[in-house]
Protein backbone atom coordinates (compact mmCIF):
# COMPACT_ATOMS: atom_id res chain seq x y z
CA MET A 1 -40.63 18.56 -113.49
CA ILE A 2 -37.22 18.06 -112.14
CA GLY A 3 -35.10 21.25 -112.32
CA PRO A 4 -31.32 21.75 -112.02
CA PRO A 5 -29.65 21.36 -108.60
CA ARG A 6 -29.75 24.34 -106.29
CA TYR A 7 -26.10 25.04 -106.73
CA PRO A 8 -25.15 23.36 -110.01
CA ASN A 9 -21.66 23.47 -111.42
CA GLU A 10 -22.77 23.46 -115.02
CA LYS A 11 -20.37 24.18 -117.87
CA TRP A 12 -21.28 25.78 -121.15
CA SER A 13 -20.93 23.10 -123.76
CA LEU A 14 -19.42 23.60 -127.17
CA MET A 15 -21.66 20.85 -128.45
CA ARG A 16 -24.70 23.07 -128.00
CA HIS A 17 -23.32 25.19 -130.80
CA LEU A 18 -22.03 22.37 -132.99
CA THR A 19 -25.47 20.75 -132.97
CA ALA A 20 -27.44 23.99 -133.37
CA GLY A 21 -27.81 23.72 -137.14
CA VAL A 22 -28.72 20.03 -137.15
CA PHE A 23 -31.20 20.59 -134.36
CA ALA A 24 -32.84 23.51 -136.09
CA TRP A 25 -33.28 21.66 -139.40
CA ALA A 26 -34.73 18.69 -137.54
CA LEU A 27 -37.05 21.07 -135.71
CA ILE A 28 -38.59 22.38 -138.93
CA ALA A 29 -38.76 18.94 -140.52
CA SER A 30 -40.54 17.38 -137.55
CA CYS A 31 -43.02 20.29 -137.18
CA LEU A 32 -43.08 20.02 -133.41
CA VAL A 33 -44.49 22.55 -131.02
CA PHE A 34 -46.45 22.23 -127.85
CA GLU A 35 -49.19 23.46 -125.64
CA SER A 36 -48.30 25.33 -122.47
CA ALA A 37 -48.92 24.39 -118.88
CA HIS A 38 -51.85 26.79 -118.70
CA SER A 39 -53.40 25.71 -121.98
CA GLN A 40 -53.87 22.19 -120.66
CA THR A 41 -56.54 23.44 -118.23
CA LYS A 42 -58.36 25.80 -120.62
CA PRO A 43 -60.77 25.11 -123.47
CA ALA A 44 -58.99 25.36 -126.81
CA ASN A 45 -61.04 28.39 -127.88
CA LYS A 46 -59.87 30.37 -124.84
CA ILE A 47 -56.13 30.11 -125.46
CA ASP A 48 -54.61 33.57 -125.89
CA THR A 49 -51.74 33.24 -128.34
CA GLY A 50 -48.82 35.64 -128.41
CA THR A 51 -46.08 36.80 -130.74
CA VAL A 52 -42.30 36.68 -130.75
CA SER A 53 -40.29 39.16 -132.77
CA GLY A 54 -36.70 40.26 -133.03
CA ARG A 55 -33.78 40.81 -135.35
CA ILE A 56 -30.99 38.61 -136.70
CA THR A 57 -27.72 40.49 -137.10
CA VAL A 58 -24.16 39.78 -138.17
CA LYS A 59 -21.69 42.49 -137.10
CA GLY A 60 -24.61 44.80 -136.46
CA LYS A 61 -26.17 44.39 -139.90
CA GLY A 62 -29.48 42.66 -140.50
CA MET A 63 -29.27 39.16 -141.97
CA PRO A 64 -32.16 38.37 -144.35
CA GLY A 65 -33.65 35.00 -145.21
CA VAL A 66 -32.96 33.28 -141.89
CA VAL A 67 -35.69 30.96 -140.65
CA VAL A 68 -36.30 31.21 -136.90
CA GLY A 69 -38.11 28.25 -135.33
CA LEU A 70 -39.64 27.40 -131.95
CA ARG A 71 -39.47 23.97 -130.41
CA PRO A 72 -41.12 22.74 -127.18
CA GLY A 73 -39.29 23.51 -123.97
CA GLU A 74 -40.96 20.54 -122.25
CA SER A 75 -40.91 16.89 -123.25
CA ASP A 76 -44.59 16.02 -122.90
CA GLN A 77 -46.18 18.75 -124.99
CA GLN A 78 -48.68 17.96 -127.71
CA VAL A 79 -47.88 18.21 -131.41
CA ARG A 80 -49.00 21.21 -133.46
CA PRO A 81 -48.01 22.72 -136.79
CA SER A 82 -44.52 24.21 -136.72
CA LEU A 83 -44.05 27.77 -135.47
CA ARG A 84 -41.47 29.74 -137.40
CA GLY A 85 -40.75 32.99 -139.14
CA THR A 86 -38.23 34.31 -141.68
CA SER A 87 -36.10 37.43 -141.34
CA ASP A 88 -36.70 40.23 -143.85
CA GLU A 89 -34.17 42.44 -145.64
CA ASP A 90 -33.39 44.23 -142.35
CA GLY A 91 -33.03 40.95 -140.45
CA LYS A 92 -36.34 41.35 -138.62
CA TYR A 93 -38.55 38.31 -137.97
CA ARG A 94 -41.96 37.77 -136.40
CA ILE A 95 -43.66 34.57 -135.23
CA SER A 96 -47.41 34.73 -134.57
CA ASN A 97 -50.00 32.49 -132.91
CA VAL A 98 -47.61 31.30 -130.20
CA PRO A 99 -49.40 29.46 -127.36
CA PRO A 100 -48.24 30.32 -123.83
CA GLY A 101 -45.50 28.15 -122.40
CA SER A 102 -41.81 27.26 -122.56
CA TYR A 103 -39.80 27.24 -125.80
CA GLN A 104 -36.37 27.12 -127.32
CA VAL A 105 -36.02 29.72 -130.08
CA ALA A 106 -33.36 29.02 -132.71
CA PRO A 107 -32.29 30.59 -136.01
CA ILE A 108 -31.36 28.13 -138.76
CA ALA A 109 -27.83 29.24 -139.58
CA PRO A 110 -25.62 26.15 -139.30
CA THR A 111 -22.28 27.86 -140.02
CA PHE A 112 -22.94 30.68 -137.54
CA VAL A 113 -22.70 30.80 -133.74
CA PHE A 114 -24.47 32.85 -131.11
CA ILE A 115 -22.53 35.74 -129.63
CA ASP A 116 -25.04 36.28 -126.82
CA ALA A 117 -24.97 32.68 -125.61
CA SER A 118 -25.54 33.16 -121.87
CA ASN A 119 -28.44 31.14 -120.47
CA SER A 120 -29.15 29.65 -123.86
CA GLY A 121 -30.23 26.07 -124.25
CA SER A 122 -29.04 23.54 -126.77
CA GLY A 123 -29.13 25.23 -130.15
CA GLY A 124 -31.23 28.21 -129.09
CA LYS A 125 -32.43 30.64 -126.44
CA ALA A 126 -34.95 29.72 -123.77
CA LEU A 127 -38.20 31.70 -123.83
CA LEU A 128 -41.19 31.69 -121.48
CA ILE A 129 -44.23 33.36 -122.99
CA ALA A 130 -47.44 34.18 -121.11
CA ASP A 131 -51.02 34.23 -122.40
CA GLY A 132 -51.26 36.73 -125.23
CA GLU A 133 -47.81 38.18 -124.53
CA ALA A 134 -46.03 40.10 -127.29
CA VAL A 135 -42.31 39.44 -126.87
CA GLU A 136 -40.28 42.04 -128.73
CA GLY A 137 -36.57 42.48 -129.18
CA PHE A 138 -35.79 38.76 -128.94
CA ASP A 139 -32.66 39.26 -130.99
CA PHE A 140 -29.86 37.00 -132.15
CA ALA A 141 -26.38 38.39 -132.79
CA LEU A 142 -24.50 35.89 -134.92
CA ALA A 143 -20.92 35.47 -136.03
CA ARG A 144 -19.53 33.11 -138.60
CA GLY A 145 -18.05 30.13 -136.81
CA GLY A 146 -14.66 28.61 -137.39
CA VAL A 147 -13.65 25.18 -138.67
CA ILE A 148 -11.44 22.45 -137.22
CA THR A 149 -10.52 19.65 -139.58
CA GLY A 150 -8.01 16.83 -139.74
CA LYS A 151 -7.53 13.10 -140.12
CA VAL A 152 -7.65 10.22 -137.63
CA THR A 153 -5.40 7.22 -138.29
CA ASP A 154 -4.18 4.20 -136.37
CA ALA A 155 -0.56 3.30 -135.60
CA GLU A 156 -0.19 1.67 -139.02
CA GLY A 157 -1.36 4.83 -140.78
CA ARG A 158 -4.73 3.39 -141.78
CA PRO A 159 -7.76 5.72 -141.64
CA VAL A 160 -10.04 5.23 -138.65
CA ILE A 161 -13.57 5.26 -140.05
CA GLU A 162 -16.69 6.49 -138.23
CA GLU A 163 -14.78 7.42 -135.09
CA TYR A 164 -16.07 10.23 -132.94
CA VAL A 165 -13.90 13.32 -132.59
CA HIS A 166 -14.55 15.46 -129.52
CA LEU A 167 -13.94 19.18 -129.07
CA ALA A 168 -13.74 20.73 -125.61
CA MET A 169 -13.03 24.32 -124.63
CA GLU A 170 -9.93 24.99 -122.57
CA ASP A 171 -11.48 24.46 -119.13
CA GLN A 172 -13.69 21.52 -120.11
CA SER A 173 -13.48 17.87 -120.96
CA PRO A 174 -16.36 16.11 -122.72
CA PRO A 175 -18.08 13.26 -120.90
CA PRO A 176 -17.20 9.74 -121.99
CA GLY A 177 -19.09 8.77 -125.11
CA SER A 178 -20.24 12.28 -125.92
CA GLU A 179 -20.63 12.85 -129.64
CA SER A 180 -19.14 15.64 -131.67
CA VAL A 181 -18.33 14.89 -135.29
CA LYS A 182 -17.53 11.62 -137.04
CA THR A 183 -14.75 10.70 -139.39
CA ASP A 184 -15.66 9.70 -142.92
CA ASP A 185 -14.43 6.74 -144.98
CA ARG A 186 -11.05 8.45 -145.37
CA GLY A 187 -10.68 9.06 -141.62
CA ILE A 188 -11.23 12.78 -142.19
CA TYR A 189 -13.40 14.89 -139.89
CA ARG A 190 -14.61 18.47 -140.23
CA ALA A 191 -16.26 20.41 -137.40
CA PHE A 192 -17.83 23.67 -138.58
CA GLY A 193 -19.73 26.43 -136.83
CA VAL A 194 -17.17 26.32 -133.99
CA PRO A 195 -17.30 29.32 -131.61
CA PRO A 196 -14.04 31.28 -131.22
CA GLY A 197 -11.77 29.96 -128.48
CA GLN A 198 -9.13 27.40 -127.61
CA TYR A 199 -9.94 23.71 -127.83
CA ARG A 200 -8.64 20.30 -126.93
CA VAL A 201 -9.37 17.90 -129.77
CA SER A 202 -9.54 14.17 -129.09
CA ALA A 203 -10.71 10.89 -130.58
CA GLY A 204 -11.57 7.57 -128.95
CA LEU A 205 -13.41 6.65 -125.77
CA GLY A 206 -10.81 7.09 -123.05
CA ASP A 207 -9.63 5.04 -120.12
CA ASP A 208 -12.78 5.78 -118.11
CA SER A 209 -14.98 3.95 -120.63
CA PHE A 210 -15.26 0.22 -121.04
CA SER A 211 -17.33 -2.41 -122.74
CA GLY A 212 -18.37 -4.12 -119.51
CA GLY A 213 -19.06 -7.23 -121.54
CA GLY A 214 -22.42 -5.82 -122.60
CA ARG A 215 -21.37 -3.15 -125.06
CA VAL A 216 -19.67 -3.38 -128.42
CA PRO A 217 -16.05 -2.60 -127.50
CA ARG A 218 -14.40 0.34 -129.23
CA PRO A 219 -10.70 -0.29 -129.64
CA TYR A 220 -9.13 3.13 -129.05
CA ARG A 221 -8.25 5.12 -125.96
CA ARG A 222 -9.07 8.80 -125.85
CA THR A 223 -6.16 10.32 -127.74
CA PHE A 224 -5.59 14.06 -127.87
CA TYR A 225 -4.03 16.18 -130.59
CA PRO A 226 -1.11 15.81 -131.29
CA SER A 227 -1.53 12.04 -130.65
CA ILE A 228 -1.01 11.83 -126.87
CA THR A 229 -3.19 10.28 -124.16
CA ASP A 230 -2.43 12.74 -121.35
CA PRO A 231 -4.96 15.61 -121.54
CA ALA A 232 -2.56 17.88 -119.64
CA GLN A 233 -0.12 17.68 -122.53
CA ALA A 234 -2.69 18.22 -125.28
CA ALA A 235 -1.94 21.05 -127.69
CA MET A 236 -4.63 23.73 -127.75
CA VAL A 237 -6.20 24.51 -131.10
CA GLU A 238 -6.97 28.20 -131.62
CA VAL A 239 -10.17 29.05 -133.48
CA ALA A 240 -11.09 32.59 -134.52
CA GLU A 241 -14.19 33.89 -136.28
CA ALA A 242 -14.46 32.59 -139.87
CA THR A 243 -11.07 30.82 -139.70
CA GLU A 244 -10.09 27.23 -140.42
CA ALA A 245 -7.67 25.18 -138.34
CA THR A 246 -6.36 22.46 -140.68
CA ASN A 247 -4.22 19.33 -140.32
CA ILE A 248 -5.35 18.72 -136.74
CA ASP A 249 -4.44 15.06 -137.19
CA ILE A 250 -4.57 12.38 -134.50
CA THR A 251 -2.99 8.94 -134.41
CA VAL A 252 -5.11 7.03 -131.92
CA VAL A 253 -3.71 4.64 -129.34
CA ARG A 254 -5.24 1.19 -129.14
CA MET A 255 -6.73 0.23 -125.79
CA ALA A 256 -5.14 -2.50 -123.72
CA THR A 257 -7.06 -5.75 -123.51
CA GLY A 258 -7.85 -5.14 -119.85
CA VAL A 259 -8.81 -7.57 -117.10
CA SER A 260 -12.09 -9.11 -116.05
CA ALA A 261 -14.21 -9.23 -112.90
CA SER A 262 -16.52 -12.10 -112.10
CA GLY A 263 -18.76 -13.31 -109.33
CA ARG A 264 -22.20 -14.58 -108.37
CA VAL A 265 -25.62 -13.29 -107.33
CA VAL A 266 -27.17 -15.39 -104.55
CA GLU A 267 -30.00 -15.26 -102.04
CA SER A 268 -28.63 -14.04 -98.71
CA LYS A 269 -30.66 -16.51 -96.60
CA ASN A 270 -29.75 -19.78 -98.27
CA GLY A 271 -27.03 -19.00 -100.79
CA GLU A 272 -29.14 -20.19 -103.70
CA PRO A 273 -28.18 -18.68 -107.08
CA VAL A 274 -30.35 -15.95 -108.60
CA ALA A 275 -30.58 -16.39 -112.35
CA ASN A 276 -31.35 -13.97 -115.16
CA VAL A 277 -30.56 -10.82 -113.19
CA ARG A 278 -29.28 -7.85 -115.16
CA LEU A 279 -26.28 -6.05 -113.68
CA SER A 280 -24.55 -2.74 -114.23
CA ILE A 281 -20.93 -1.84 -113.55
CA THR A 282 -19.68 1.67 -112.84
CA LYS A 283 -16.14 2.99 -112.89
CA ILE A 284 -15.48 5.78 -110.40
CA THR A 285 -12.80 8.28 -111.43
CA VAL A 286 -11.56 11.00 -109.05
CA GLN A 287 -9.64 13.94 -110.49
CA GLY A 288 -8.88 16.70 -108.01
CA ASN A 289 -12.16 17.77 -106.43
CA SER A 290 -14.37 16.19 -109.08
CA THR A 291 -15.67 12.64 -109.39
CA SER A 292 -16.98 11.13 -112.61
CA HIS A 293 -18.85 7.89 -113.25
CA SER A 294 -18.88 5.72 -116.35
CA THR A 295 -21.48 2.96 -116.39
CA GLY A 296 -21.73 -0.12 -118.58
CA SER A 297 -23.95 -3.18 -118.60
CA ILE A 298 -23.12 -6.81 -117.89
CA PRO A 299 -24.92 -9.80 -119.44
CA ASN A 300 -27.59 -11.31 -117.21
CA THR A 301 -26.57 -13.91 -114.67
CA ASN A 302 -26.71 -17.52 -115.86
CA MET A 303 -28.56 -20.38 -114.19
CA LYS A 304 -25.80 -20.58 -111.56
CA GLY A 305 -26.13 -16.88 -110.77
CA GLU A 306 -22.73 -16.17 -112.34
CA PHE A 307 -21.72 -12.93 -114.04
CA ARG A 308 -18.58 -11.62 -115.75
CA ALA A 309 -17.42 -8.14 -116.85
CA GLU A 310 -14.52 -7.88 -119.27
CA SER A 311 -12.07 -5.34 -120.69
CA LEU A 312 -11.75 -3.35 -117.46
CA SER A 313 -8.95 -0.81 -117.12
CA PRO A 314 -7.33 -0.17 -113.70
CA GLY A 315 -9.49 1.75 -111.24
CA LYS A 316 -12.31 1.54 -108.68
CA TYR A 317 -15.64 -0.05 -109.63
CA THR A 318 -19.03 -0.92 -108.23
CA VAL A 319 -21.30 -3.66 -109.56
CA SER A 320 -25.00 -3.74 -108.75
CA ILE A 321 -28.33 -5.08 -109.90
CA SER A 322 -29.69 -2.62 -112.44
CA ARG A 323 -33.21 -4.05 -112.69
CA PHE A 324 -34.58 -5.44 -109.48
CA ARG A 325 -37.09 -8.19 -109.42
CA GLU A 326 -40.40 -7.21 -107.92
CA SER A 327 -39.48 -8.01 -104.32
CA LEU A 328 -35.67 -8.27 -104.30
CA ARG A 329 -33.03 -5.76 -103.26
CA ALA A 330 -29.23 -5.89 -102.94
CA ASP A 331 -26.40 -3.60 -101.93
CA PRO A 332 -23.77 -2.79 -104.57
CA VAL A 333 -20.32 -4.39 -104.29
CA THR A 334 -17.19 -2.22 -104.63
CA PHE A 335 -13.84 -3.55 -105.87
CA ASP A 336 -10.52 -2.37 -107.30
CA VAL A 337 -8.97 -3.43 -110.59
CA LEU A 338 -5.17 -3.49 -110.74
CA ASP A 339 -3.28 -5.74 -113.15
CA GLN A 340 -5.03 -9.09 -112.80
CA ASP A 341 -8.53 -10.57 -112.99
CA VAL A 342 -10.88 -10.06 -110.05
CA THR A 343 -12.86 -13.12 -108.98
CA GLY A 344 -15.19 -14.17 -106.19
CA LEU A 345 -17.43 -11.09 -106.12
CA LEU A 346 -20.64 -11.88 -104.27
CA ILE A 347 -23.90 -9.95 -104.48
CA LYS A 348 -26.43 -11.03 -101.85
CA THR A 349 -30.10 -10.40 -102.48
CA SER A 350 -32.79 -10.23 -99.85
CA MET A 351 -36.53 -9.89 -99.72
CA GLY A 352 -37.20 -6.18 -99.89
CA ALA A 353 -39.90 -4.45 -97.93
CA SER A 354 -42.91 -2.92 -99.69
CA LEU A 355 -45.36 -0.09 -99.15
CA ALA A 356 -48.87 0.01 -100.57
CA GLY A 357 -51.70 2.46 -100.13
CA THR A 358 -53.69 5.27 -101.67
CA VAL A 359 -52.99 8.87 -102.59
CA VAL A 360 -55.90 10.99 -101.38
CA ILE A 361 -56.39 14.56 -102.62
CA GLN A 362 -57.82 16.78 -99.93
CA GLY A 363 -60.89 18.85 -100.72
CA SER A 364 -61.37 17.60 -104.31
CA PRO A 365 -63.31 14.80 -106.02
CA GLN A 366 -60.69 12.06 -106.18
CA ASP A 367 -61.07 10.90 -109.79
CA SER A 368 -61.23 14.31 -111.47
CA ALA A 369 -58.42 15.74 -109.33
CA LEU A 370 -56.06 12.89 -110.15
CA GLN A 371 -56.79 13.22 -113.86
CA LYS A 372 -55.84 16.89 -113.80
CA ILE A 373 -52.36 16.16 -112.45
CA ALA A 374 -51.68 12.81 -114.16
CA PRO A 375 -49.25 11.25 -114.75
CA LEU A 376 -48.34 11.14 -111.06
CA PHE A 377 -45.46 9.24 -109.49
CA ILE A 378 -44.68 8.39 -105.89
CA ALA A 379 -41.13 7.82 -104.66
CA ALA A 380 -39.72 6.24 -101.50
CA HIS A 381 -36.36 7.37 -100.16
CA SER A 382 -34.28 6.07 -97.28
CA ARG A 383 -32.33 8.83 -95.56
CA ASP A 384 -30.61 6.56 -93.07
CA GLU A 385 -26.85 7.02 -92.90
CA SER A 386 -25.17 4.06 -94.56
CA PRO A 387 -22.12 3.35 -96.72
CA GLN A 388 -24.49 3.09 -99.67
CA GLY A 389 -26.09 6.46 -98.89
CA GLY A 390 -29.65 5.15 -98.70
CA SER A 391 -31.89 3.92 -101.50
CA GLY A 392 -34.96 4.91 -103.44
CA ARG A 393 -37.78 3.44 -105.53
CA HIS A 394 -40.57 5.03 -107.49
CA SER A 395 -43.82 3.88 -109.02
CA ALA A 396 -46.73 5.32 -110.96
CA VAL A 397 -49.88 6.19 -109.05
CA ASN A 398 -52.84 4.35 -110.57
CA PRO A 399 -55.95 6.23 -111.79
CA ASP A 400 -57.78 5.28 -108.57
CA GLY A 401 -54.93 6.67 -106.44
CA SER A 402 -53.48 3.30 -105.43
CA PHE A 403 -49.74 2.63 -105.46
CA HIS A 404 -47.25 -0.10 -104.62
CA LEU A 405 -43.53 0.35 -103.90
CA SER A 406 -41.29 -2.70 -103.52
CA GLY A 407 -37.67 -3.69 -103.10
CA LEU A 408 -37.12 -1.29 -100.18
CA GLU A 409 -34.43 -1.61 -97.54
CA ALA A 410 -35.18 -1.52 -93.81
CA GLY A 411 -35.11 1.86 -92.09
CA THR A 412 -36.99 5.13 -92.15
CA ILE A 413 -38.77 5.73 -95.44
CA HIS A 414 -39.87 9.16 -96.68
CA LEU A 415 -42.34 9.58 -99.52
CA SER A 416 -42.52 12.28 -102.16
CA LEU A 417 -44.73 12.94 -105.17
CA GLY A 418 -43.85 14.14 -108.64
CA LYS A 419 -45.33 14.42 -112.09
CA GLY A 420 -43.99 13.35 -115.45
CA GLY A 421 -42.88 16.30 -117.56
CA ILE A 422 -44.42 19.76 -117.25
CA ASN A 423 -46.27 21.03 -114.17
CA ARG A 424 -49.52 21.63 -116.13
CA GLY A 425 -50.33 24.55 -113.86
CA ARG A 426 -51.11 22.40 -110.82
CA GLY A 427 -48.75 21.13 -108.16
CA ILE A 428 -49.29 18.58 -105.45
CA ALA A 429 -47.74 18.31 -102.01
CA ILE A 430 -48.00 15.72 -99.24
CA SER A 431 -49.69 17.22 -96.17
CA GLN A 432 -49.57 14.07 -94.03
CA ILE A 433 -49.15 10.29 -94.18
CA GLU A 434 -51.29 7.89 -92.14
CA ARG A 435 -50.44 4.29 -91.22
CA ASP A 436 -53.19 2.34 -89.51
CA GLY A 437 -54.89 5.67 -88.78
CA LEU A 438 -51.79 7.19 -87.12
CA VAL A 439 -49.97 10.17 -88.62
CA GLN A 440 -46.32 9.48 -89.53
CA PRO A 441 -44.60 12.88 -89.17
CA ASP A 442 -41.04 11.53 -89.14
CA GLY A 443 -41.23 8.94 -91.89
CA ILE A 444 -42.36 5.32 -92.06
CA GLN A 445 -40.38 2.71 -90.15
CA ILE A 446 -40.08 -0.62 -91.97
CA GLN A 447 -38.26 -3.88 -91.26
CA ASN A 448 -36.52 -6.24 -93.63
CA GLY A 449 -39.11 -7.91 -95.85
CA GLU A 450 -42.05 -6.15 -94.17
CA GLN A 451 -45.11 -5.69 -96.39
CA VAL A 452 -46.94 -2.53 -95.31
CA THR A 453 -50.44 -1.94 -96.70
CA GLY A 454 -53.24 0.54 -96.15
CA LEU A 455 -51.15 3.73 -96.18
CA ARG A 456 -53.05 6.97 -96.78
CA VAL A 457 -51.02 9.69 -98.41
CA ILE A 458 -53.07 12.85 -97.96
CA THR A 459 -52.16 15.59 -100.40
CA THR A 460 -52.99 19.17 -101.27
CA ILE A 461 -53.17 20.57 -104.78
CA GLY A 462 -51.35 23.86 -105.21
CA THR A 463 -52.78 26.56 -107.47
CA GLY A 464 -50.48 29.43 -106.58
CA THR A 465 -48.02 30.89 -109.08
CA ILE A 466 -44.86 32.97 -108.83
CA ARG A 467 -43.98 34.94 -111.95
CA GLY A 468 -40.62 36.65 -111.70
CA LYS A 469 -37.75 38.38 -113.39
CA VAL A 470 -34.06 38.47 -112.54
CA ASN A 471 -32.31 41.79 -113.13
CA ILE A 472 -28.56 41.71 -113.62
CA GLU A 473 -26.65 44.73 -112.35
CA ASN A 474 -23.16 45.58 -113.62
CA GLY A 475 -23.64 43.02 -116.37
CA PRO A 476 -24.36 41.57 -118.81
CA LEU A 477 -23.69 37.88 -118.31
CA GLN A 478 -20.67 36.66 -120.22
CA PRO A 479 -20.73 33.61 -122.52
CA GLY A 480 -20.61 30.49 -120.37
CA TRP A 481 -22.07 32.17 -117.27
CA ARG A 482 -25.28 30.54 -116.08
CA LEU A 483 -28.29 31.91 -114.22
CA PHE A 484 -30.47 29.69 -112.03
CA VAL A 485 -33.49 30.25 -109.77
CA ASN A 486 -34.37 28.06 -106.81
CA LEU A 487 -37.41 28.10 -104.51
CA VAL A 488 -37.60 26.77 -100.95
CA LYS A 489 -40.82 26.75 -98.96
CA LEU A 490 -40.17 27.96 -95.43
CA GLY A 491 -40.82 25.42 -92.71
CA GLU A 492 -40.32 22.46 -95.04
CA GLN A 493 -37.36 20.45 -96.22
CA PRO A 494 -35.69 22.10 -99.24
CA THR A 495 -37.34 20.65 -102.31
CA GLY A 496 -35.07 22.11 -104.98
CA ILE A 497 -37.90 23.66 -107.02
CA SER A 498 -35.94 25.16 -109.89
CA PRO A 499 -38.09 26.78 -112.57
CA GLU A 500 -36.60 27.39 -115.98
CA VAL A 501 -35.10 30.85 -116.52
CA ASP A 502 -35.33 32.16 -120.06
CA ALA A 503 -32.87 34.35 -121.95
CA ARG A 504 -34.62 37.48 -120.64
CA GLY A 505 -34.30 36.39 -117.00
CA HIS A 506 -38.03 35.57 -116.75
CA PHE A 507 -39.30 32.54 -114.83
CA ILE A 508 -42.63 31.03 -113.80
CA ALA A 509 -43.22 28.58 -110.95
CA ALA A 510 -46.79 27.25 -111.09
CA GLY A 511 -48.72 24.73 -109.02
CA LEU A 512 -47.39 26.00 -105.69
CA THR A 513 -49.14 25.33 -102.39
CA SER A 514 -49.86 28.36 -100.23
CA GLY A 515 -47.17 29.63 -97.88
CA SER A 516 -43.94 31.64 -97.79
CA TYR A 517 -41.14 30.88 -100.24
CA GLU A 518 -37.54 32.00 -100.27
CA ILE A 519 -36.38 32.56 -103.85
CA TRP A 520 -32.70 32.59 -104.79
CA ALA A 521 -31.30 33.76 -108.10
CA THR A 522 -27.69 32.74 -108.62
CA VAL A 523 -25.14 33.36 -111.35
CA TYR A 524 -22.31 30.87 -111.80
CA THR A 525 -19.03 31.18 -113.61
CA PRO A 526 -18.11 27.61 -114.64
CA GLY A 527 -14.59 26.49 -113.81
CA SER A 528 -14.10 28.99 -111.00
CA PRO A 529 -14.19 27.87 -107.33
CA GLN A 530 -15.34 31.38 -106.35
CA SER A 531 -18.18 31.53 -108.82
CA ALA A 532 -21.53 32.20 -107.16
CA ARG A 533 -23.18 35.63 -107.02
CA SER A 534 -26.77 35.68 -105.85
CA GLY A 535 -29.81 37.65 -104.73
CA LYS A 536 -32.94 36.56 -102.90
CA GLN A 537 -36.52 37.54 -102.14
CA LEU A 538 -39.24 36.32 -99.79
CA VAL A 539 -42.63 35.79 -101.44
CA THR A 540 -46.00 34.80 -99.98
CA VAL A 541 -48.04 32.50 -102.23
CA ALA A 542 -51.82 32.16 -102.05
CA ASP A 543 -54.04 29.65 -103.83
CA GLY A 544 -55.17 30.83 -107.24
CA VAL A 545 -53.05 34.00 -107.08
CA VAL A 546 -50.13 35.02 -109.31
CA SER A 547 -47.39 36.67 -107.22
CA GLU A 548 -44.99 38.95 -109.07
CA VAL A 549 -41.36 39.23 -107.95
CA THR A 550 -38.16 40.89 -109.13
CA ILE A 551 -34.75 39.72 -107.92
CA THR A 552 -31.51 41.60 -108.47
CA VAL A 553 -28.08 39.99 -108.78
CA ASP A 554 -25.10 42.34 -108.64
CA LEU A 555 -22.16 40.91 -110.59
CA ASN A 556 -19.81 43.26 -108.73
CA GLN A 557 -20.57 41.73 -105.36
CA ASN A 558 -17.97 39.46 -103.79
CA PRO A 559 -18.42 35.95 -105.12
CA ARG A 560 -18.71 33.01 -102.77
CA PRO A 561 -17.51 29.43 -103.20
CA THR A 562 -19.75 27.16 -105.22
CA PRO A 563 -21.34 24.69 -102.76
């Protein structure tokens, strides 16, 4: 499971609230739940189910008749009947027979918003529940959301139909292509369940989006209310609880035709064209201290190896092969677009190196051990300093432990292992790598086009667990503040193990190999350069043992810059 970065700069998204109602209805309709990491390794009749209970309130008063549903917190969980409960006359709800694991808990109240939104996921609150645990007081304080509505027209006054309208809080801007609400056949949009605050409202894609020749072009630039393209001059729309901001109309600006960029993909040794290669093109936009990327596709190269990207706005771009052939690799090409077409771009492919071998699990029968942790993936990373910043490939490990990685560049290659989706209660770590019987402690050296076989990747299965809780002093967390936990095993390269933290501050890191771990809990205030407040603990993990830990973060301590 890949967690958030150790020091993320994550912003609380309005769209989590706008989509809460739709998500919750879809949740009940699809009847999805899941089995926990621990339940995967137990017989079905030994699963200890738990309960979740709490109260739904509006202005302190219980809200009856609200359905509260649970959806899986992990993507690879198995399907079960839906788990849900309904609040009574006092707003109290109870959900029984909850298997242990990770969930998102959400009330179905589309026109309402969460007041206690800190560390909540999309459309709900995160919850980790242990075997047989009775979670009480998992409450939701709701407030009626506001409404923003208006009309989107073009320069001729005609309604713009099925155009996305984006809402962003004052210190945010939505990513290109993000969806909010759509206009209807009259060009009218209506966003409801909007949390109180100030918003920039916009329609269209924006200058940092493009068709790339492989998308269906959308004709309008991102245009902000009241019909301007400069976000700094956008008028802020004030939304209060249960209010409606009307006539927030936008006249969108049509995008310029743009210029094109063209070139060829050839073999570096002989200059022969490489046909039917799929390419991607990325625009790089720098604003202050932040850099954003917008990526589009380009039609495959023709028989002459030629490619062409169209409708490009001014800026810096890179073009690269998005799907490598089995043995080919190529460095991306960077270019600038000004006011005329760019021609003569040349992408040179070469025969990539490859690594093949077997993953061996120490101290366990190979077949049964691999099945317990499947699906398993192996990745190769180059950490050599280069203008391209190194490269990486990954591949599934076969049931017999064999693997094959291709398209690698020359240099020092480091291998890592990971699993698809949830940890399933067992982790795996590389203890050593052997090449021709020799241990490779500093990585594997490969040359251009070299085909390395017979590698032995010797691994250890971890069965240790850390179960923890983060206490917030001088709190609570404010809406938009985020809490993250990160684990680093001492004596090893930081791995960025970041277990999910639920709305109560609970976290579980399972499948850990034995040793000492430094655990950081950090609170971030999005949009502030001095945003990080943290606490840490040192924990010793043993195989098959659950280690309990409590970490305290004092919100009154002096913040430090966000790395």
